[in-house]
Structures are given as C-alpha cells and as structure tokens.
Amino acid sequence: MKKFLKILMWIFIGFFSLFLIGVIAFNISSYQKRKQAEVDGIKFSEICDSVKIITEQPEIGFTGFDQKDINILKFELKRNGAINTDTIIKNQFSYVSDDKTFKQVKIPFAKFLKTDTIIVTTQNNLKFYISGYNHYAGLHYGMMGYVGGYDCALSENVNINKSETNGTISKHIAWLETDMNNRIKVLSPSDEEFLKISEKSKINKKKAEEIFMNNRKNEHWMSQIFCGMYINKNGNFYIFEEEREDKKGKKDVIKIDAETGEFQRFENYPFN
C-alpha cells in the first residue's frame, strides 16, 4: 500500500512539474512576444509614417454645434503658406448621432500631403486649423498573442488649433481671425501641462471654480462646464461655459485670468 501511494505521489509530482514547466514556458514566451511587439510597434510605425501623402479621406467630428453653424462648411487646403485649393460642402455628414449633438464629415480632398494644413470655416466664421496627421502600425495578434506582421492605419489623433484632439472639433478650441496670432495653444483639463501651469499660477483651478460660482448667472441650475485653459501671449486663462436657464440652454463663455482672477463673461460670443 505504501509503495502504491509512493508511486502515485511521484506520478503527481511528475504531472505537476510538467504543468509548472508549461506555465513558465508560456509566461516566458508571452513576455518575449510583448517585448518584440513593443520593438516592432516602434519600427513598423516609423515605416508606416514615412508615407507622405494622405489618401484615406479622414473624417472630422463636430460636437456641441447648432445645425445652422455647420450646415455649410468651407474647407481650404493650405500648402507652403498659400491656399492650394478650397471647396464648400453643404449638409454632407457621413454620420449623425441619434441626439444630433455629434456629427462627422469626410475631408473633401481625395489626397493631400501630411505637411498640409486643412482649414475649416463655419458659417459664423469660426476657424479650425487641422494638421499633424500620421500613420501607425496595427500589429497582428492571435489567440496566443503577437504573431508578427502589421498593417498601416491612419491615426485619428490630430492637432486642431494647436490642441491635441482625437479628430473632433469643439467650440472652445475655435479661433477668430482676431485671435489667431495671440493664441499659443489650448490645454484640456487632462493635460499634464495644464495641471503644472495651474499649480504654479496664483489662481489655481479650485480658486477659478470658486470665482466662477461667485459670478454665475443661474439661480437654480448648477451648470458649470470646464473646458480647459487658453495659453495666450498676454496671459493664461481658464475657460468655462455656463448653460443659461434664462436663455433656453444657450451657453455663455467665461474667461478667468490665471494670475489676476479677472472674470470675463461673453454672452454673445460666436462660440454660442
């Protein structure tokens, strides 16, 4: 009986050892594949991004706009400092969300250079400068992880008015013609640079929110939309929007100076 138990014990140890070896081998293989995927991702993305011409006709999204503002859009292709071509499109959205707050439209140029700038102008003369398109490598994966090989794809992330975006245009990053040469960049609330600037400023984000609350117009609604920060040549400004209960949901734009705390309300700003 003891001999039989001993045999069973050795059989169990053998199977357990094989199982353990298999687990270790799998983990080593997975680790090597992940490291190889990291190396290949960089290498193949560089190969993909060496393509100089965009032929995918990418889509641009619009959020928070009234239909009348974007029903007609002017697209201009700027190359080497001059307008190369332009076109006007009317109500040619490729996608409209069910609540109609988000729309997408294809850039109406069959191809353009990565060094070009696409200028979009709305009916109320807000301008959006789109640049920084790039390709990346989509690596091939199977059930057991990275299997090698790749496909090139166009990234949705682009610069719009010196703000990094996922290819979606919102009102608070708009430029007026009078604002173009003054604006340096737009920082979203999640940007690390925004957090650093806010912490160093005399008016940090918390104080800016207190200033906003002390100057709000709504008596019942607690409407506070924090958009981020404008970095301008003449200072840095926190940007809020307040949806007015007495204006059927129309939004006022609020600018608060990050150094002085000066509060400015724009009730009839073209962003509305």
Protein backbone atom coordinates (compact mmCIF):
# COMPACT_ATOMS: atom_id res chain seq x y z
CA MET A 1 0.00 0.00 0.00
CA LYS A 2 2.83 2.36 0.90
CA LYS A 3 4.55 1.51 -2.35
CA PHE A 4 1.39 2.28 -4.29
CA LEU A 5 0.99 5.64 -2.56
CA LYS A 6 4.61 6.45 -3.25
CA ILE A 7 4.10 5.69 -6.95
CA LEU A 8 1.03 7.94 -7.00
CA MET A 9 3.00 10.68 -5.28
CA TRP A 10 5.77 10.53 -7.90
CA ILE A 11 3.21 10.50 -10.71
CA PHE A 12 1.58 13.58 -9.18
CA ILE A 13 4.98 15.29 -8.82
CA GLY A 14 5.76 14.46 -12.45
CA PHE A 15 2.49 15.89 -13.76
CA PHE A 16 2.83 18.96 -11.51
CA SER A 17 6.39 19.51 -12.74
CA LEU A 18 5.27 19.29 -16.37
CA PHE A 19 2.43 21.71 -15.64
CA LEU A 20 4.82 24.11 -13.90
CA ILE A 21 7.30 23.93 -16.78
CA GLY A 22 4.46 24.64 -19.22
CA VAL A 23 3.31 27.68 -17.24
CA ILE A 24 6.85 29.04 -17.01
CA ALA A 25 7.46 28.44 -20.72
CA PHE A 26 4.16 30.15 -21.60
CA ASN A 27 4.99 33.19 -19.44
CA ILE A 28 8.47 33.45 -20.95
CA SER A 29 7.04 33.19 -24.45
CA SER A 30 4.35 35.79 -23.69
CA TYR A 31 6.93 38.15 -22.22
CA GLN A 32 9.19 37.77 -25.26
CA LYS A 33 6.23 38.38 -27.59
CA ARG A 34 5.23 41.51 -25.69
CA LYS A 35 8.77 42.87 -25.82
CA GLN A 36 9.01 42.03 -29.52
CA ALA A 37 5.65 43.74 -30.12
CA GLU A 38 6.96 46.90 -28.42
CA VAL A 39 10.06 46.90 -30.61
CA ASP A 40 8.12 46.09 -33.79
CA GLY A 41 5.42 48.64 -32.97
CA ILE A 42 8.00 51.43 -32.99
CA LYS A 43 9.87 50.11 -36.03
CA PHE A 44 6.80 49.41 -38.17
CA SER A 45 5.10 52.68 -37.18
CA GLU A 46 8.15 54.56 -38.44
CA ILE A 47 7.85 52.66 -41.73
CA CYS A 48 4.12 53.43 -41.95
CA ASP A 49 4.59 57.09 -41.08
CA SER A 50 7.19 57.52 -43.84
CA VAL A 51 4.23 57.76 -46.23
CA LYS A 52 3.95 61.44 -47.18
CA ILE A 53 0.50 61.50 -48.78
CA ILE A 54 -2.88 61.04 -47.08
CA THR A 55 -5.30 59.14 -49.31
CA GLU A 56 -7.75 57.80 -46.71
CA GLN A 57 -10.00 60.91 -46.78
CA PRO A 58 -10.25 61.05 -42.97
CA GLU A 59 -13.36 62.15 -41.08
CA ILE A 60 -13.62 65.16 -38.77
CA GLY A 61 -16.15 65.26 -35.95
CA PHE A 62 -18.15 68.23 -34.64
CA THR A 63 -19.63 68.32 -31.15
CA GLY A 64 -21.79 70.93 -29.44
CA PHE A 65 -22.60 72.94 -32.57
CA ASP A 66 -26.01 74.13 -33.70
CA GLN A 67 -27.03 72.75 -37.08
CA LYS A 68 -27.11 76.24 -38.61
CA ASP A 69 -23.46 76.78 -37.65
CA ILE A 70 -22.08 73.78 -39.54
CA ASN A 71 -24.69 73.10 -42.21
CA ILE A 72 -22.33 74.81 -44.67
CA LEU A 73 -18.57 74.34 -44.19
CA LYS A 74 -15.70 75.79 -46.15
CA PHE A 75 -12.60 73.60 -46.48
CA GLU A 76 -9.28 75.06 -47.62
CA LEU A 77 -6.02 73.23 -48.28
CA LYS A 78 -3.02 75.31 -47.26
CA ARG A 79 0.38 74.31 -48.66
CA ASN A 80 3.67 76.19 -48.37
CA GLY A 81 1.92 79.20 -46.88
CA ALA A 82 -0.68 79.55 -49.65
CA ILE A 83 -4.18 78.19 -50.26
CA ASN A 84 -3.79 75.36 -52.75
CA THR A 85 -7.47 74.57 -53.22
CA ASP A 86 -10.81 75.12 -51.48
CA THR A 87 -14.32 73.78 -51.56
CA ILE A 88 -17.66 74.37 -49.84
CA ILE A 89 -19.86 71.49 -48.74
CA LYS A 90 -23.45 71.63 -47.53
CA ASN A 91 -25.02 69.11 -45.18
CA GLN A 92 -22.75 66.23 -46.27
CA PHE A 93 -22.32 64.48 -42.91
CA SER A 94 -21.20 60.86 -43.02
CA TYR A 95 -22.54 60.23 -39.51
CA VAL A 96 -25.04 61.96 -37.18
CA SER A 97 -25.64 60.71 -33.63
CA ASP A 98 -29.19 59.94 -32.50
CA ASP A 99 -29.32 63.06 -30.34
CA LYS A 100 -27.71 65.08 -33.19
CA THR A 101 -25.05 66.53 -30.87
CA PHE A 102 -22.21 64.79 -32.72
CA LYS A 103 -21.62 64.79 -36.47
CA GLN A 104 -18.84 63.63 -38.75
CA VAL A 105 -17.86 64.77 -42.21
CA LYS A 106 -15.20 63.50 -44.59
CA ILE A 107 -12.45 65.92 -45.57
CA PRO A 108 -13.41 66.69 -49.19
CA PHE A 109 -9.93 66.23 -50.65
CA ALA A 110 -9.08 62.91 -52.29
CA LYS A 111 -5.46 63.27 -51.21
CA PHE A 112 -3.18 65.78 -49.52
CA LEU A 113 0.28 65.98 -48.00
CA LYS A 114 0.99 65.37 -44.33
CA THR A 115 2.67 68.75 -44.27
CA ASP A 116 -0.51 70.47 -45.48
CA THR A 117 -2.93 72.28 -43.18
CA ILE A 118 -6.68 71.83 -43.57
CA ILE A 119 -8.65 74.98 -42.67
CA VAL A 120 -12.32 74.55 -41.79
CA THR A 121 -14.50 77.66 -41.52
CA THR A 122 -18.03 77.57 -40.07
CA GLN A 123 -20.90 79.86 -41.06
CA ASN A 124 -20.29 82.10 -38.02
CA ASN A 125 -16.65 82.48 -39.13
CA LEU A 126 -15.00 80.23 -36.56
CA LYS A 127 -11.80 78.74 -37.98
CA PHE A 128 -10.17 75.40 -37.25
CA TYR A 129 -6.67 74.59 -38.47
CA ILE A 130 -6.09 70.83 -38.76
CA SER A 131 -2.59 69.35 -39.07
CA GLY A 132 -0.35 66.59 -37.77
CA TYR A 133 -1.83 63.51 -39.44
CA ASN A 134 0.27 60.38 -39.01
CA HIS A 135 0.18 56.68 -39.78
CA TYR A 136 0.79 53.94 -37.25
CA ALA A 137 1.29 50.18 -37.42
CA GLY A 138 -1.53 47.88 -36.37
CA LEU A 139 0.26 44.72 -35.22
CA HIS A 140 -1.20 41.26 -35.87
CA TYR A 141 -2.34 39.25 -32.85
CA GLY A 142 -3.69 35.73 -32.48
CA MET A 143 -5.18 33.78 -29.61
CA MET A 144 -1.69 33.26 -28.19
CA GLY A 145 -0.60 36.88 -28.52
CA TYR A 146 1.55 38.72 -31.06
CA VAL A 147 2.16 36.66 -34.20
CA GLY A 148 4.18 39.17 -36.24
CA GLY A 149 3.26 41.30 -39.22
CA TYR A 150 1.38 44.58 -39.40
CA ASP A 151 -0.98 46.82 -41.33
CA CYS A 152 -0.66 50.59 -41.67
CA ALA A 153 -3.53 52.77 -40.49
CA LEU A 154 -4.19 56.50 -40.26
CA SER A 155 -4.37 57.82 -36.71
CA GLU A 156 -7.43 59.82 -35.67
CA ASN A 157 -5.30 61.97 -33.37
CA VAL A 158 -4.53 65.34 -34.97
CA ASN A 159 -3.75 68.90 -33.93
CA ILE A 160 -6.67 71.30 -34.21
CA ASN A 161 -5.85 74.92 -33.39
CA LYS A 162 -2.70 73.79 -31.58
CA SER A 163 -4.70 71.46 -29.39
CA GLU A 164 -4.21 67.68 -29.46
CA THR A 165 -7.53 66.03 -30.28
CA ASN A 166 -8.99 62.73 -31.40
CA GLY A 167 -10.17 64.39 -34.58
CA THR A 168 -13.21 66.08 -33.04
CA ILE A 169 -13.85 69.82 -33.26
CA SER A 170 -15.48 71.58 -30.31
CA LYS A 171 -16.35 75.25 -29.98
CA HIS A 172 -13.98 76.08 -27.15
CA ILE A 173 -10.90 75.47 -29.32
CA ALA A 174 -12.17 77.81 -32.06
CA TRP A 175 -10.16 80.74 -33.39
CA LEU A 176 -11.50 84.03 -34.60
CA GLU A 177 -9.41 85.92 -37.12
CA THR A 178 -8.59 88.47 -34.39
CA ASP A 179 -7.46 85.68 -32.05
CA MET A 180 -5.21 83.72 -34.42
CA ASN A 181 -1.92 85.47 -33.74
CA ASN A 182 -2.48 85.73 -29.99
CA ARG A 183 -3.29 82.11 -29.13
CA ILE A 184 -0.35 79.82 -28.44
CA LYS A 185 -2.19 76.62 -27.55
CA VAL A 186 -5.26 75.14 -25.89
CA LEU A 187 -4.85 72.76 -22.95
CA SER A 188 -7.53 70.27 -21.99
CA PRO A 189 -8.27 69.59 -18.29
CA SER A 190 -6.48 66.22 -18.51
CA ASP A 191 -3.21 67.57 -19.96
CA GLU A 192 -0.22 67.25 -17.64
CA GLU A 193 0.94 70.68 -18.77
CA PHE A 194 -2.38 72.16 -17.67
CA LEU A 195 -2.00 70.65 -14.18
CA LYS A 196 1.53 72.03 -13.84
CA ILE A 197 0.57 75.53 -15.00
CA SER A 198 -2.50 75.57 -12.77
CA GLU A 199 -0.48 74.58 -9.70
CA LYS A 200 2.09 77.34 -10.34
CA SER A 201 -0.48 80.05 -11.07
CA LYS A 202 -1.74 82.49 -8.44
CA ILE A 203 -5.25 81.34 -9.32
CA ASN A 204 -5.35 77.54 -9.40
CA LYS A 205 -8.25 75.54 -10.82
CA LYS A 206 -10.02 75.30 -7.45
CA LYS A 207 -9.90 79.08 -6.97
CA ALA A 208 -11.05 79.61 -10.56
CA GLU A 209 -14.07 77.39 -9.87
CA GLU A 210 -14.87 79.46 -6.76
CA ILE A 211 -14.68 82.67 -8.84
CA PHE A 212 -17.00 81.08 -11.41
CA MET A 213 -19.53 80.09 -8.75
CA ASN A 214 -19.48 83.57 -7.20
CA ASN A 215 -20.28 85.11 -10.59
CA ARG A 216 -22.70 82.61 -12.05
CA LYS A 217 -25.99 83.82 -13.53
CA ASN A 218 -28.10 80.72 -12.97
CA GLU A 219 -30.33 80.77 -9.90
CA HIS A 220 -31.37 77.15 -9.99
CA TRP A 221 -29.16 75.22 -12.41
CA MET A 222 -25.64 74.32 -11.33
CA SER A 223 -24.40 74.47 -14.91
CA GLN A 224 -20.60 74.57 -14.98
CA ILE A 225 -18.68 73.22 -17.96
CA PHE A 226 -14.91 73.41 -17.58
CA CYS A 227 -13.23 73.47 -21.00
CA GLY A 228 -9.55 73.87 -20.08
CA MET A 229 -7.05 76.70 -20.48
CA TYR A 230 -6.02 79.09 -23.23
CA ILE A 231 -2.30 79.81 -23.32
CA ASN A 232 -2.12 83.28 -24.87
CA LYS A 233 0.73 85.69 -25.46
CA ASN A 234 -0.81 88.09 -22.96
CA GLY A 235 -1.52 85.51 -20.25
CA ASN A 236 -3.20 82.23 -19.35
CA PHE A 237 -6.96 81.93 -18.96
CA TYR A 238 -9.27 79.26 -17.54
CA ILE A 239 -12.23 78.70 -19.87
CA PHE A 240 -15.68 77.76 -18.62
CA GLU A 241 -19.09 77.60 -20.22
CA GLU A 242 -22.34 78.25 -18.37
CA GLU A 243 -25.57 76.95 -19.85
CA ARG A 244 -28.11 79.67 -19.07
CA GLU A 245 -31.52 78.71 -17.75
CA ASP A 246 -32.91 82.07 -18.86
CA LYS A 247 -31.63 81.64 -22.43
CA LYS A 248 -33.10 78.24 -23.32
CA GLY A 249 -29.82 76.41 -22.88
CA LYS A 250 -27.58 78.91 -24.69
CA LYS A 251 -24.08 78.96 -23.25
CA ASP A 252 -22.01 81.93 -22.07
CA VAL A 253 -18.23 81.71 -22.35
CA ILE A 254 -16.29 82.58 -19.18
CA LYS A 255 -12.60 83.58 -19.11
CA ILE A 256 -10.76 83.79 -15.77
CA ASP A 257 -7.21 85.17 -15.69
CA ALA A 258 -4.90 82.61 -14.05
CA GLU A 259 -2.79 85.37 -12.43
CA THR A 260 -5.25 88.12 -11.50
CA GLY A 261 -8.52 86.21 -11.23
CA GLU A 262 -10.20 88.74 -13.55
CA PHE A 263 -13.60 87.41 -14.60
CA GLN A 264 -14.95 88.00 -18.13
CA ARG A 265 -18.31 86.84 -19.42
CA PHE A 266 -19.10 86.71 -23.15
CA GLU A 267 -22.86 86.40 -23.61
CA ASN A 268 -22.96 86.90 -27.37
CA TYR A 269 -19.64 85.29 -28.26
CA PRO A 270 -19.65 83.47 -31.62
CA PHE A 271 -18.99 80.22 -29.72
CA ASN A 272 -22.64 80.24 -28.64
